[in-house]
C-alpha cells in the first residue's frame, strides 16, 4: 500500500486491512524503528491525522523482498 503512494494516512491503512489500531500502530512502530517508514502528524480542520510514508531504505527493502519472491516463484531459489 505504501509503495504505491507518496504517503498513506493511518486510518486508511487500518480500514483497508481491517486491523485494529493497536496492530497497525505496532507494525508502524517496528518499521519506523528500522528506518523503513516515517510518520508525520498533520492537523487539518482541528483534526490530527498521522501520515505514513516509505523511506528510501524502506523502498529498497520492499523491492528486494519482491525480487526474492519473484525468484522463488520462478523456481530460481
N, C-alpha and C. Protein backbone atom coordinates (compact mmCIF):
# COMPACT_ATOMS: atom_id res chain seq x y z
N UNK A 1 0.83 -1.19 0.00
CA UNK A 1 0.00 0.00 0.00
C UNK A 1 0.88 1.26 0.00
N UNK A 2 1.92 1.26 0.81
CA UNK A 2 2.79 2.43 0.90
C UNK A 2 3.67 2.59 -0.34
N UNK A 3 4.00 1.49 -0.99
CA UNK A 3 4.88 1.55 -2.16
C UNK A 3 4.23 2.30 -3.32
N UNK A 4 2.92 2.27 -3.38
CA UNK A 4 2.21 2.90 -4.49
C UNK A 4 1.75 4.32 -4.22
N UNK A 5 2.20 4.90 -3.10
CA UNK A 5 1.71 6.24 -2.75
C UNK A 5 2.84 7.05 -2.13
N UNK A 6 2.68 8.36 -2.17
CA UNK A 6 3.65 9.23 -1.50
C UNK A 6 3.54 9.03 0.01
N UNK A 7 2.33 8.99 0.52
CA UNK A 7 2.05 8.74 1.94
C UNK A 7 0.61 8.25 2.05
N UNK A 8 0.35 7.51 3.11
CA UNK A 8 -1.00 6.99 3.37
C UNK A 8 -1.33 7.30 4.83
N UNK A 9 -2.56 7.75 5.06
CA UNK A 9 -2.91 8.06 6.45
C UNK A 9 -3.24 6.78 7.22
N UNK A 10 -3.00 6.85 8.51
CA UNK A 10 -3.15 5.71 9.40
C UNK A 10 -4.53 5.05 9.26
N UNK A 11 -5.58 5.86 9.24
CA UNK A 11 -6.95 5.33 9.19
C UNK A 11 -7.18 4.54 7.90
N UNK A 12 -6.63 5.00 6.80
CA UNK A 12 -6.80 4.28 5.53
C UNK A 12 -6.13 2.92 5.59
N UNK A 13 -4.94 2.86 6.15
CA UNK A 13 -4.25 1.57 6.31
C UNK A 13 -5.07 0.66 7.19
N UNK A 14 -5.49 1.17 8.34
CA UNK A 14 -6.28 0.38 9.31
C UNK A 14 -7.55 -0.16 8.67
N UNK A 15 -8.29 0.73 7.99
CA UNK A 15 -9.58 0.33 7.42
C UNK A 15 -9.42 -0.60 6.23
N UNK A 16 -8.46 -0.34 5.38
CA UNK A 16 -8.25 -1.18 4.20
C UNK A 16 -7.85 -2.60 4.59
N UNK A 17 -7.03 -2.71 5.62
CA UNK A 17 -6.57 -4.02 6.06
C UNK A 17 -7.46 -4.65 7.12
N UNK A 18 -8.48 -3.92 7.57
CA UNK A 18 -9.40 -4.40 8.60
C UNK A 18 -8.65 -4.86 9.86
N UNK A 19 -7.78 -3.98 10.33
CA UNK A 19 -6.99 -4.28 11.52
C UNK A 19 -7.32 -3.30 12.64
N UNK A 20 -7.02 -3.70 13.84
CA UNK A 20 -7.20 -2.81 14.99
C UNK A 20 -6.10 -1.75 15.00
N UNK A 21 -6.41 -0.61 15.59
CA UNK A 21 -5.43 0.46 15.72
C UNK A 21 -4.12 -0.05 16.32
N UNK A 22 -4.23 -0.85 17.36
CA UNK A 22 -3.04 -1.33 18.07
C UNK A 22 -2.14 -2.17 17.16
N UNK A 23 -2.73 -2.95 16.29
CA UNK A 23 -1.95 -3.80 15.38
C UNK A 23 -1.20 -2.93 14.37
N UNK A 24 -1.90 -1.98 13.78
CA UNK A 24 -1.26 -1.09 12.81
C UNK A 24 -0.17 -0.29 13.50
N UNK A 25 -0.48 0.24 14.66
CA UNK A 25 0.47 1.05 15.40
C UNK A 25 1.75 0.26 15.72
N UNK A 26 1.59 -0.97 16.14
CA UNK A 26 2.75 -1.81 16.48
C UNK A 26 3.62 -2.05 15.25
N UNK A 27 3.00 -2.37 14.12
CA UNK A 27 3.77 -2.62 12.90
C UNK A 27 4.45 -1.35 12.40
N UNK A 28 3.75 -0.24 12.43
CA UNK A 28 4.34 1.03 12.00
C UNK A 28 5.52 1.38 12.90
N UNK A 29 5.38 1.18 14.19
CA UNK A 29 6.48 1.46 15.13
C UNK A 29 7.70 0.63 14.81
N UNK A 30 7.50 -0.64 14.55
CA UNK A 30 8.63 -1.53 14.22
C UNK A 30 9.30 -1.09 12.92
N UNK A 31 8.49 -0.77 11.91
CA UNK A 31 9.05 -0.33 10.63
C UNK A 31 9.78 1.00 10.78
N UNK A 32 9.27 1.85 11.65
CA UNK A 32 9.92 3.13 11.91
C UNK A 32 11.25 2.91 12.66
N UNK A 33 11.27 1.96 13.58
CA UNK A 33 12.48 1.66 14.35
C UNK A 33 13.65 1.24 13.44
N UNK A 34 13.35 0.53 12.36
CA UNK A 34 14.41 0.08 11.45
C UNK A 34 14.63 1.03 10.28
N UNK A 35 13.89 2.12 10.27
CA UNK A 35 14.11 3.15 9.26
C UNK A 35 13.40 2.93 7.94
N UNK A 36 12.39 2.06 7.92
CA UNK A 36 11.67 1.78 6.68
C UNK A 36 10.51 2.73 6.42
N UNK A 37 9.96 3.33 7.46
CA UNK A 37 8.88 4.30 7.30
C UNK A 37 9.13 5.52 8.18
N UNK A 38 8.49 6.60 7.81
CA UNK A 38 8.47 7.82 8.62
C UNK A 38 7.02 8.20 8.82
N UNK A 39 6.74 8.76 9.98
CA UNK A 39 5.38 9.21 10.27
C UNK A 39 5.38 10.71 10.49
N UNK A 40 4.23 11.32 10.20
CA UNK A 40 4.06 12.76 10.41
C UNK A 40 2.62 13.01 10.80
N UNK A 41 2.44 13.75 11.89
CA UNK A 41 1.09 14.14 12.32
C UNK A 41 0.80 15.51 11.74
N UNK A 42 -0.33 15.61 11.04
CA UNK A 42 -0.76 16.87 10.44
C UNK A 42 -2.14 17.20 10.97
N UNK A 43 -2.30 18.43 11.45
CA UNK A 43 -3.60 18.88 11.94
C UNK A 43 -4.27 19.67 10.83
N UNK A 44 -5.47 19.24 10.49
CA UNK A 44 -6.25 19.90 9.45
C UNK A 44 -7.69 19.99 9.93
N UNK A 45 -8.25 21.18 9.90
CA UNK A 45 -9.62 21.40 10.35
C UNK A 45 -9.83 20.91 11.79
N UNK A 46 -8.81 21.12 12.62
CA UNK A 46 -8.91 20.74 14.02
C UNK A 46 -8.76 19.26 14.29
N UNK A 47 -8.43 18.49 13.28
CA UNK A 47 -8.31 17.04 13.44
C UNK A 47 -6.89 16.60 13.07
N UNK A 48 -6.26 15.86 13.96
CA UNK A 48 -4.91 15.35 13.70
C UNK A 48 -4.99 14.03 12.93
N UNK A 49 -4.17 13.92 11.91
CA UNK A 49 -4.07 12.68 11.14
C UNK A 49 -2.61 12.28 11.06
N UNK A 50 -2.36 11.01 11.21
CA UNK A 50 -1.00 10.50 11.10
C UNK A 50 -0.79 9.95 9.69
N UNK A 51 0.23 10.48 9.03
CA UNK A 51 0.58 10.05 7.68
C UNK A 51 1.84 9.20 7.76
N UNK A 52 1.87 8.14 6.96
CA UNK A 52 2.98 7.20 6.97
C UNK A 52 3.52 7.10 5.54
N UNK A 53 4.84 7.17 5.43
CA UNK A 53 5.45 7.05 4.11
C UNK A 53 6.67 6.17 4.19
N UNK A 54 6.97 5.50 3.08
CA UNK A 54 8.18 4.70 3.00
C UNK A 54 9.39 5.62 2.87
N UNK A 55 10.47 5.25 3.51
CA UNK A 55 11.74 5.93 3.31
C UNK A 55 12.43 5.29 2.10
N UNK A 56 13.53 5.86 1.67
CA UNK A 56 14.29 5.24 0.58
C UNK A 56 14.75 3.84 0.98
N UNK A 57 15.18 3.70 2.24
CA UNK A 57 15.59 2.37 2.72
C UNK A 57 14.41 1.40 2.70
N UNK A 58 13.22 1.88 3.04
CA UNK A 58 12.03 1.05 3.00
C UNK A 58 11.67 0.62 1.60
N UNK A 59 11.78 1.55 0.66
CA UNK A 59 11.52 1.21 -0.75
C UNK A 59 12.52 0.18 -1.25
N UNK A 60 13.79 0.35 -0.89
CA UNK A 60 14.81 -0.61 -1.30
C UNK A 60 14.55 -1.98 -0.71
N UNK A 61 14.20 -2.03 0.58
CA UNK A 61 13.92 -3.30 1.24
C UNK A 61 12.72 -3.99 0.60
N UNK A 62 11.67 -3.20 0.31
CA UNK A 62 10.48 -3.77 -0.31
C UNK A 62 10.80 -4.32 -1.71
N UNK A 63 11.57 -3.56 -2.48
CA UNK A 63 11.96 -4.01 -3.82
C UNK A 63 12.76 -5.30 -3.74
N UNK A 64 13.68 -5.38 -2.77
CA UNK A 64 14.47 -6.60 -2.60
C UNK A 64 13.61 -7.79 -2.21
N UNK A 65 12.64 -7.55 -1.34
CA UNK A 65 11.73 -8.61 -0.92
C UNK A 65 10.91 -9.11 -2.12
N UNK A 66 10.40 -8.19 -2.91
CA UNK A 66 9.61 -8.58 -4.10
C UNK A 66 10.47 -9.36 -5.09
N UNK A 67 11.71 -8.93 -5.27
CA UNK A 67 12.62 -9.64 -6.19
C UNK A 67 12.87 -11.07 -5.70
N UNK A 68 13.07 -11.23 -4.40
CA UNK A 68 13.29 -12.57 -3.85
C UNK A 68 12.05 -13.45 -4.03
N UNK A 69 10.88 -12.88 -3.83
CA UNK A 69 9.63 -13.64 -4.03
C UNK A 69 9.47 -14.05 -5.50
N UNK A 70 9.85 -13.14 -6.41
CA UNK A 70 9.78 -13.49 -7.85
C UNK A 70 10.72 -14.65 -8.17
N UNK A 71 11.92 -14.64 -7.58
CA UNK A 71 12.87 -15.73 -7.81
C UNK A 71 12.32 -17.03 -7.26
N UNK A 72 11.71 -16.98 -6.11
CA UNK A 72 11.12 -18.19 -5.53
C UNK A 72 9.99 -18.69 -6.43
N UNK A 73 9.13 -17.79 -6.88
CA UNK A 73 8.01 -18.17 -7.74
C UNK A 73 8.49 -18.73 -9.07
N UNK A 74 9.61 -18.23 -9.55
CA UNK A 74 10.16 -18.69 -10.83
C UNK A 74 11.03 -19.93 -10.67
N UNK A 75 11.18 -20.41 -9.44
CA UNK A 75 11.95 -21.62 -9.18
C UNK A 75 13.45 -21.40 -9.24
N UNK A 76 13.90 -20.17 -9.08
CA UNK A 76 15.32 -19.88 -9.17
C UNK A 76 16.06 -20.07 -7.85
N UNK A 77 15.31 -20.16 -6.77
CA UNK A 77 15.95 -20.37 -5.46
C UNK A 77 15.56 -21.73 -4.93
